[in-house]
Amino acid sequence: MILTNLPIGEIAKVVSVNGNNAVTRRLMEMGVVPGVALKIVKTAPFGDPIEVRLRGYSLAMRKSEADSIEVSE
């Protein structure tokens, strides 16, 4: 399942971060790595961006960035 399909309030673990561009590398530098638990806190009115809570901090990301993150419940 990809991160954008995760319902608000659900907790999931990161399985992989797909892609080989600067954005995916930056996400991994900020702690979005396989094995980390995260939760979608809220989305903007039109669904983009989304707020994700992980490792004790909140991270806002675009849906296009969240599409590269594979998670499991």
PDB file of N, CA and C in Angstrom:
ATOM      1  N   MET A   1       0.856  -1.167   0.000  1.00  0.00           N
ATOM      2  CA  MET A   1       0.000   0.000   0.000  1.00  0.00           C
ATOM      3  C   MET A   1       0.908   1.239   0.000  1.00  0.00           C
ATOM      4  N   ILE A   2       0.482   2.282  -0.690  1.00  0.00           N
ATOM      5  CA  ILE A   2       1.251   3.520  -0.661  1.00  0.00           C
ATOM      6  C   ILE A   2       0.693   4.454   0.405  1.00  0.00           C
ATOM      7  N   LEU A   3       1.524   5.385   0.831  1.00  0.00           N
ATOM      8  CA  LEU A   3       1.179   6.261   1.954  1.00  0.00           C
ATOM      9  C   LEU A   3      -0.092   7.071   1.703  1.00  0.00           C
ATOM     10  N   THR A   4      -0.333   7.490   0.478  1.00  0.00           N
ATOM     11  CA  THR A   4      -1.524   8.301   0.198  1.00  0.00           C
ATOM     12  C   THR A   4      -2.818   7.520   0.373  1.00  0.00           C
ATOM     13  N   ASN A   5      -2.769   6.193   0.367  1.00  0.00           N
ATOM     14  CA  ASN A   5      -3.965   5.369   0.569  1.00  0.00           C
ATOM     15  C   ASN A   5      -4.253   5.098   2.041  1.00  0.00           C
ATOM     16  N   LEU A   6      -3.344   5.481   2.924  1.00  0.00           N
ATOM     17  CA  LEU A   6      -3.515   5.250   4.356  1.00  0.00           C
ATOM     18  C   LEU A   6      -4.539   6.229   4.917  1.00  0.00           C
ATOM     19  N   PRO A   7      -5.536   5.744   5.655  1.00  0.00           N
ATOM     20  CA  PRO A   7      -6.541   6.648   6.240  1.00  0.00           C
ATOM     21  C   PRO A   7      -5.933   7.531   7.337  1.00  0.00           C
ATOM     22  N   ILE A   8      -6.542   8.679   7.559  1.00  0.00           N
ATOM     23  CA  ILE A   8      -6.086   9.601   8.601  1.00  0.00           C
ATOM     24  C   ILE A   8      -6.210   8.913   9.958  1.00  0.00           C
ATOM     25  N   GLY A   9      -5.162   9.009  10.763  1.00  0.00           N
ATOM     26  CA  GLY A   9      -5.148   8.424  12.100  1.00  0.00           C
ATOM     27  C   GLY A   9      -4.597   7.011  12.169  1.00  0.00           C
ATOM     28  N   GLU A  10      -4.435   6.336  11.057  1.00  0.00           N
ATOM     29  CA  GLU A  10      -3.891   4.976  11.012  1.00  0.00           C
ATOM     30  C   GLU A  10      -2.375   5.024  11.166  1.00  0.00           C
ATOM     31  N   ILE A  11      -1.835   4.056  11.870  1.00  0.00           N
ATOM     32  CA  ILE A  11      -0.389   3.933  12.024  1.00  0.00           C
ATOM     33  C   ILE A  11       0.096   2.819  11.110  1.00  0.00           C
ATOM     34  N   ALA A  12       1.200   3.080  10.415  1.00  0.00           N
ATOM     35  CA  ALA A  12       1.769   2.097   9.490  1.00  0.00           C
ATOM     36  C   ALA A  12       3.286   2.159   9.560  1.00  0.00           C
ATOM     37  N   LYS A  13       3.925   1.102   9.065  1.00  0.00           N
ATOM     38  CA  LYS A  13       5.384   1.059   9.003  1.00  0.00           C
ATOM     39  C   LYS A  13       5.834   1.257   7.572  1.00  0.00           C
ATOM     40  N   VAL A  14       6.923   1.982   7.409  1.00  0.00           N
ATOM     41  CA  VAL A  14       7.491   2.199   6.087  1.00  0.00           C
ATOM     42  C   VAL A  14       8.151   0.904   5.629  1.00  0.00           C
ATOM     43  N   VAL A  15       7.792   0.460   4.430  1.00  0.00           N
ATOM     44  CA  VAL A  15       8.395  -0.732   3.832  1.00  0.00           C
ATOM     45  C   VAL A  15       9.550  -0.319   2.933  1.00  0.00           C
ATOM     46  N   SER A  16       9.313   0.704   2.095  1.00  0.00           N
ATOM     47  CA  SER A  16      10.371   1.189   1.209  1.00  0.00           C
ATOM     48  C   SER A  16      10.056   2.598   0.737  1.00  0.00           C
ATOM     49  N   VAL A  17      11.102   3.292   0.318  1.00  0.00           N
ATOM     50  CA  VAL A  17      10.965   4.601  -0.309  1.00  0.00           C
ATOM     51  C   VAL A  17      11.468   4.417  -1.733  1.00  0.00           C
ATOM     52  N   ASN A  18      10.543   4.465  -2.691  1.00  0.00           N
ATOM     53  CA  ASN A  18      10.880   4.187  -4.081  1.00  0.00           C
ATOM     54  C   ASN A  18      11.269   5.462  -4.810  1.00  0.00           C
ATOM     55  N   GLY A  19      12.212   5.344  -5.687  1.00  0.00           N
ATOM     56  CA  GLY A  19      12.666   6.486  -6.469  1.00  0.00           C
ATOM     57  C   GLY A  19      14.136   6.733  -6.250  1.00  0.00           C
ATOM     58  N   ASN A  20      14.706   7.499  -7.133  1.00  0.00           N
ATOM     59  CA  ASN A  20      16.126   7.782  -7.042  1.00  0.00           C
ATOM     60  C   ASN A  20      16.378   9.246  -7.389  1.00  0.00           C
ATOM     61  N   ASN A  21      15.555  10.141  -6.837  1.00  0.00           N
ATOM     62  CA  ASN A  21      15.750  11.558  -7.108  1.00  0.00           C
ATOM     63  C   ASN A  21      16.054  12.295  -5.805  1.00  0.00           C
ATOM     64  N   ALA A  22      16.239  13.580  -5.906  1.00  0.00           N
ATOM     65  CA  ALA A  22      16.614  14.385  -4.741  1.00  0.00           C
ATOM     66  C   ALA A  22      15.536  14.387  -3.663  1.00  0.00           C
ATOM     67  N   VAL A  23      14.270  14.351  -4.064  1.00  0.00           N
ATOM     68  CA  VAL A  23      13.176  14.380  -3.084  1.00  0.00           C
ATOM     69  C   VAL A  23      13.163  13.103  -2.251  1.00  0.00           C
ATOM     70  N   THR A  24      13.295  11.956  -2.892  1.00  0.00           N
ATOM     71  CA  THR A  24      13.276  10.695  -2.125  1.00  0.00           C
ATOM     72  C   THR A  24      14.508  10.588  -1.228  1.00  0.00           C
ATOM     73  N   ARG A  25      15.643  11.060  -1.686  1.00  0.00           N
ATOM     74  CA  ARG A  25      16.837  11.053  -0.831  1.00  0.00           C
ATOM     75  C   ARG A  25      16.637  11.970   0.364  1.00  0.00           C
ATOM     76  N   ARG A  26      16.017  13.125   0.146  1.00  0.00           N
ATOM     77  CA  ARG A  26      15.774  14.068   1.242  1.00  0.00           C
ATOM     78  C   ARG A  26      14.783  13.491   2.251  1.00  0.00           C
ATOM     79  N   LEU A  27      13.755  12.794   1.784  1.00  0.00           N
ATOM     80  CA  LEU A  27      12.816  12.140   2.704  1.00  0.00           C
ATOM     81  C   LEU A  27      13.538  11.140   3.584  1.00  0.00           C
ATOM     82  N   MET A  28      14.443  10.374   3.003  1.00  0.00           N
ATOM     83  CA  MET A  28      15.194   9.391   3.783  1.00  0.00           C
ATOM     84  C   MET A  28      16.134  10.074   4.772  1.00  0.00           C
ATOM     85  N   GLU A  29      16.707  11.202   4.398  1.00  0.00           N
ATOM     86  CA  GLU A  29      17.555  11.956   5.327  1.00  0.00           C
ATOM     87  C   GLU A  29      16.751  12.486   6.508  1.00  0.00           C
ATOM     88  N   MET A  30      15.469  12.770   6.285  1.00  0.00           N
ATOM     89  CA  MET A  30      14.607  13.289   7.351  1.00  0.00           C
ATOM     90  C   MET A  30      13.990  12.175   8.188  1.00  0.00           C
ATOM     91  N   GLY A  31      14.375  10.922   7.953  1.00  0.00           N
ATOM     92  CA  GLY A  31      13.928   9.845   8.818  1.00  0.00           C
ATOM     93  C   GLY A  31      12.884   8.930   8.242  1.00  0.00           C
ATOM     94  N   VAL A  32      12.446   9.149   7.013  1.00  0.00           N
ATOM     95  CA  VAL A  32      11.465   8.260   6.388  1.00  0.00           C
ATOM     96  C   VAL A  32      12.249   7.095   5.775  1.00  0.00           C
ATOM     97  N   VAL A  33      12.554   6.114   6.623  1.00  0.00           N
ATOM     98  CA  VAL A  33      13.340   4.951   6.208  1.00  0.00           C
ATOM     99  C   VAL A  33      12.558   3.681   6.541  1.00  0.00           C
ATOM    100  N   PRO A  34      12.865   2.573   5.887  1.00  0.00           N
ATOM    101  CA  PRO A  34      12.162   1.324   6.174  1.00  0.00           C
ATOM    102  C   PRO A  34      12.207   0.955   7.661  1.00  0.00           C
ATOM    103  N   GLY A  35      11.044   0.543   8.177  1.00  0.00           N
ATOM    104  CA  GLY A  35      10.924   0.134   9.570  1.00  0.00           C
ATOM    105  C   GLY A  35      10.363   1.197  10.499  1.00  0.00           C
ATOM    106  N   VAL A  36      10.309   2.435  10.058  1.00  0.00           N
ATOM    107  CA  VAL A  36       9.826   3.531  10.896  1.00  0.00           C
ATOM    108  C   VAL A  36       8.297   3.558  10.878  1.00  0.00           C
ATOM    109  N   ALA A  37       7.705   3.734  12.054  1.00  0.00           N
ATOM    110  CA  ALA A  37       6.246   3.858  12.159  1.00  0.00           C
ATOM    111  C   ALA A  37       5.864   5.311  11.917  1.00  0.00           C
ATOM    112  N   LEU A  38       4.780   5.510  11.179  1.00  0.00           N
ATOM    113  CA  LEU A  38       4.292   6.862  10.927  1.00  0.00           C
ATOM    114  C   LEU A  38       2.778   6.876  10.908  1.00  0.00           C
ATOM    115  N   LYS A  39       2.227   8.078  11.023  1.00  0.00           N
ATOM    116  CA  LYS A  39       0.776   8.252  11.059  1.00  0.00           C
ATOM    117  C   LYS A  39       0.411   9.504  10.280  1.00  0.00           C
ATOM    118  N   ILE A  40      -0.630   9.430   9.466  1.00  0.00           N
ATOM    119  CA  ILE A  40      -1.134  10.620   8.786  1.00  0.00           C
ATOM    120  C   ILE A  40      -2.003  11.381   9.780  1.00  0.00           C
ATOM    121  N   VAL A  41      -1.616  12.620  10.054  1.00  0.00           N
ATOM    122  CA  VAL A  41      -2.325  13.435  11.036  1.00  0.00           C
ATOM    123  C   VAL A  41      -3.495  14.156  10.383  1.00  0.00           C
ATOM    124  N   LYS A  42      -3.237  14.827   9.250  1.00  0.00           N
ATOM    125  CA  LYS A  42      -4.305  15.545   8.562  1.00  0.00           C
ATOM    126  C   LYS A  42      -3.872  15.857   7.137  1.00  0.00           C
ATOM    127  N   THR A  43      -4.848  16.269   6.348  1.00  0.00           N
ATOM    128  CA  THR A  43      -4.577  16.700   4.985  1.00  0.00           C
ATOM    129  C   THR A  43      -5.127  18.109   4.798  1.00  0.00           C
ATOM    130  N   ALA A  44      -4.594  18.803   3.830  1.00  0.00           N
ATOM    131  CA  ALA A  44      -5.092  20.135   3.499  1.00  0.00           C
ATOM    132  C   ALA A  44      -6.493  20.002   2.888  1.00  0.00           C
ATOM    133  N   PRO A  45      -7.243  21.079   2.788  1.00  0.00           N
ATOM    134  CA  PRO A  45      -8.619  20.996   2.268  1.00  0.00           C
ATOM    135  C   PRO A  45      -8.765  20.286   0.922  1.00  0.00           C
ATOM    136  N   PHE A  46      -7.843  20.465   0.016  1.00  0.00           N
ATOM    137  CA  PHE A  46      -7.934  19.792  -1.276  1.00  0.00           C
ATOM    138  C   PHE A  46      -7.071  18.534  -1.324  1.00  0.00           C
ATOM    139  N   GLY A  47      -6.566  18.083  -0.163  1.00  0.00           N
ATOM    140  CA  GLY A  47      -5.827  16.838  -0.082  1.00  0.00           C
ATOM    141  C   GLY A  47      -4.340  16.948  -0.302  1.00  0.00           C
ATOM    142  N   ASP A  48      -3.824  18.129  -0.554  1.00  0.00           N
ATOM    143  CA  ASP A  48      -2.395  18.274  -0.807  1.00  0.00           C
ATOM    144  C   ASP A  48      -1.924  19.576  -0.189  1.00  0.00           C
ATOM    145  N   PRO A  49      -0.994  19.607   0.715  1.00  0.00           N
ATOM    146  CA  PRO A  49      -0.131  18.542   1.205  1.00  0.00           C
ATOM    147  C   PRO A  49      -0.773  17.746   2.346  1.00  0.00           C
ATOM    148  N   ILE A  50      -0.028  16.737   2.822  1.00  0.00           N
ATOM    149  CA  ILE A  50      -0.471  15.942   3.963  1.00  0.00           C
ATOM    150  C   ILE A  50       0.529  16.115   5.099  1.00  0.00           C
ATOM    151  N   GLU A  51       0.040  15.988   6.327  1.00  0.00           N
ATOM    152  CA  GLU A  51       0.909  16.071   7.498  1.00  0.00           C
ATOM    153  C   GLU A  51       1.092  14.667   8.061  1.00  0.00           C
ATOM    154  N   VAL A  52       2.344  14.280   8.226  1.00  0.00           N
ATOM    155  CA  VAL A  52       2.698  12.949   8.718  1.00  0.00           C
ATOM    156  C   VAL A  52       3.476  13.112  10.022  1.00  0.00           C
ATOM    157  N   ARG A  53       3.189  12.259  10.982  1.00  0.00           N
ATOM    158  CA  ARG A  53       3.893  12.280  12.275  1.00  0.00           C
ATOM    159  C   ARG A  53       4.797  11.052  12.351  1.00  0.00           C
ATOM    160  N   LEU A  54       6.092  11.272  12.573  1.00  0.00           N
ATOM    161  CA  LEU A  54       7.038  10.180  12.721  1.00  0.00           C
ATOM    162  C   LEU A  54       8.205  10.627  13.577  1.00  0.00           C
ATOM    163  N   ARG A  55       8.763   9.699  14.320  1.00  0.00           N
ATOM    164  CA  ARG A  55       9.945   9.939  15.147  1.00  0.00           C
ATOM    165  C   ARG A  55       9.831  11.186  16.025  1.00  0.00           C
ATOM    166  N   GLY A  56       8.634  11.498  16.479  1.00  0.00           N
ATOM    167  CA  GLY A  56       8.445  12.617  17.396  1.00  0.00           C
ATOM    168  C   GLY A  56       8.322  13.981  16.752  1.00  0.00           C
ATOM    169  N   TYR A  57       8.201  14.052  15.427  1.00  0.00           N
ATOM    170  CA  TYR A  57       8.011  15.342  14.780  1.00  0.00           C
ATOM    171  C   TYR A  57       7.016  15.217  13.640  1.00  0.00           C
ATOM    172  N   SER A  58       6.511  16.363  13.191  1.00  0.00           N
ATOM    173  CA  SER A  58       5.557  16.391  12.087  1.00  0.00           C
ATOM    174  C   SER A  58       6.270  16.802  10.810  1.00  0.00           C
ATOM    175  N   LEU A  59       5.861  16.185   9.713  1.00  0.00           N
ATOM    176  CA  LEU A  59       6.462  16.441   8.409  1.00  0.00           C
ATOM    177  C   LEU A  59       5.342  16.648   7.406  1.00  0.00           C
ATOM    178  N   ALA A  60       5.397  17.748   6.676  1.00  0.00           N
ATOM    179  CA  ALA A  60       4.421  18.001   5.622  1.00  0.00           C
ATOM    180  C   ALA A  60       5.053  17.605   4.293  1.00  0.00           C
ATOM    181  N   MET A  61       4.267  16.912   3.470  1.00  0.00           N
ATOM    182  CA  MET A  61       4.775  16.513   2.159  1.00  0.00           C
ATOM    183  C   MET A  61       3.652  16.515   1.145  1.00  0.00           C
ATOM    184  N   ARG A  62       4.022  16.685  -0.093  1.00  0.00           N
ATOM    185  CA  ARG A  62       3.049  16.647  -1.179  1.00  0.00           C
ATOM    186  C   ARG A  62       2.613  15.213  -1.438  1.00  0.00           C
ATOM    187  N   LYS A  63       1.436  15.074  -2.032  1.00  0.00           N
ATOM    188  CA  LYS A  63       0.946  13.736  -2.366  1.00  0.00           C
ATOM    189  C   LYS A  63       1.882  13.035  -3.346  1.00  0.00           C
ATOM    190  N   SER A  64       2.469  13.787  -4.262  1.00  0.00           N
ATOM    191  CA  SER A  64       3.388  13.174  -5.228  1.00  0.00           C
ATOM    192  C   SER A  64       4.612  12.594  -4.520  1.00  0.00           C
ATOM    193  N   GLU A  65       5.038  13.214  -3.435  1.00  0.00           N
ATOM    194  CA  GLU A  65       6.151  12.674  -2.647  1.00  0.00           C
ATOM    195  C   GLU A  65       5.693  11.462  -1.840  1.00  0.00           C
ATOM    196  N   ALA A  66       4.496  11.522  -1.286  1.00  0.00           N
ATOM    197  CA  ALA A  66       3.971  10.420  -0.487  1.00  0.00           C
ATOM    198  C   ALA A  66       3.689   9.185  -1.340  1.00  0.00           C
ATOM    199  N   ASP A  67       3.453   9.379  -2.648  1.00  0.00           N
ATOM    200  CA  ASP A  67       3.229   8.255  -3.539  1.00  0.00           C
ATOM    201  C   ASP A  67       4.453   7.354  -3.682  1.00  0.00           C
ATOM    202  N   SER A  68       5.625   7.879  -3.346  1.00  0.00           N
ATOM    203  CA  SER A  68       6.842   7.074  -3.462  1.00  0.00           C
ATOM    204  C   SER A  68       7.138   6.261  -2.201  1.00  0.00           C
ATOM    205  N   ILE A  69       6.291   6.412  -1.171  1.00  0.00           N
ATOM    206  CA  ILE A  69       6.519   5.703   0.105  1.00  0.00           C
ATOM    207  C   ILE A  69       5.556   4.538   0.215  1.00  0.00           C
ATOM    208  N   GLU A  70       6.105   3.342   0.311  1.00  0.00           N
ATOM    209  CA  GLU A  70       5.304   2.133   0.462  1.00  0.00           C
ATOM    210  C   GLU A  70       5.242   1.778   1.943  1.00  0.00           C
ATOM    211  N   VAL A  71       4.018   1.518   2.454  1.00  0.00           N
ATOM    212  CA  VAL A  71       3.818   1.210   3.864  1.00  0.00           C
ATOM    213  C   VAL A  71       3.016  -0.066   4.045  1.00  0.00           C
ATOM    214  N   SER A  72       3.080  -0.628   5.257  1.00  0.00           N
ATOM    215  CA  SER A  72       2.242  -1.775   5.618  1.00  0.00           C
ATOM    216  C   SER A  72       1.608  -1.469   6.958  1.00  0.00           C
ATOM    217  N   GLU A  73       0.362  -1.903   7.133  1.00  0.00           N
ATOM    218  CA  GLU A  73      -0.358  -1.622   8.384  1.00  0.00           C
ATOM    219  C   GLU A  73       0.083  -2.533   9.489  1.00  0.00           C
TER     220      GLU A  73
END
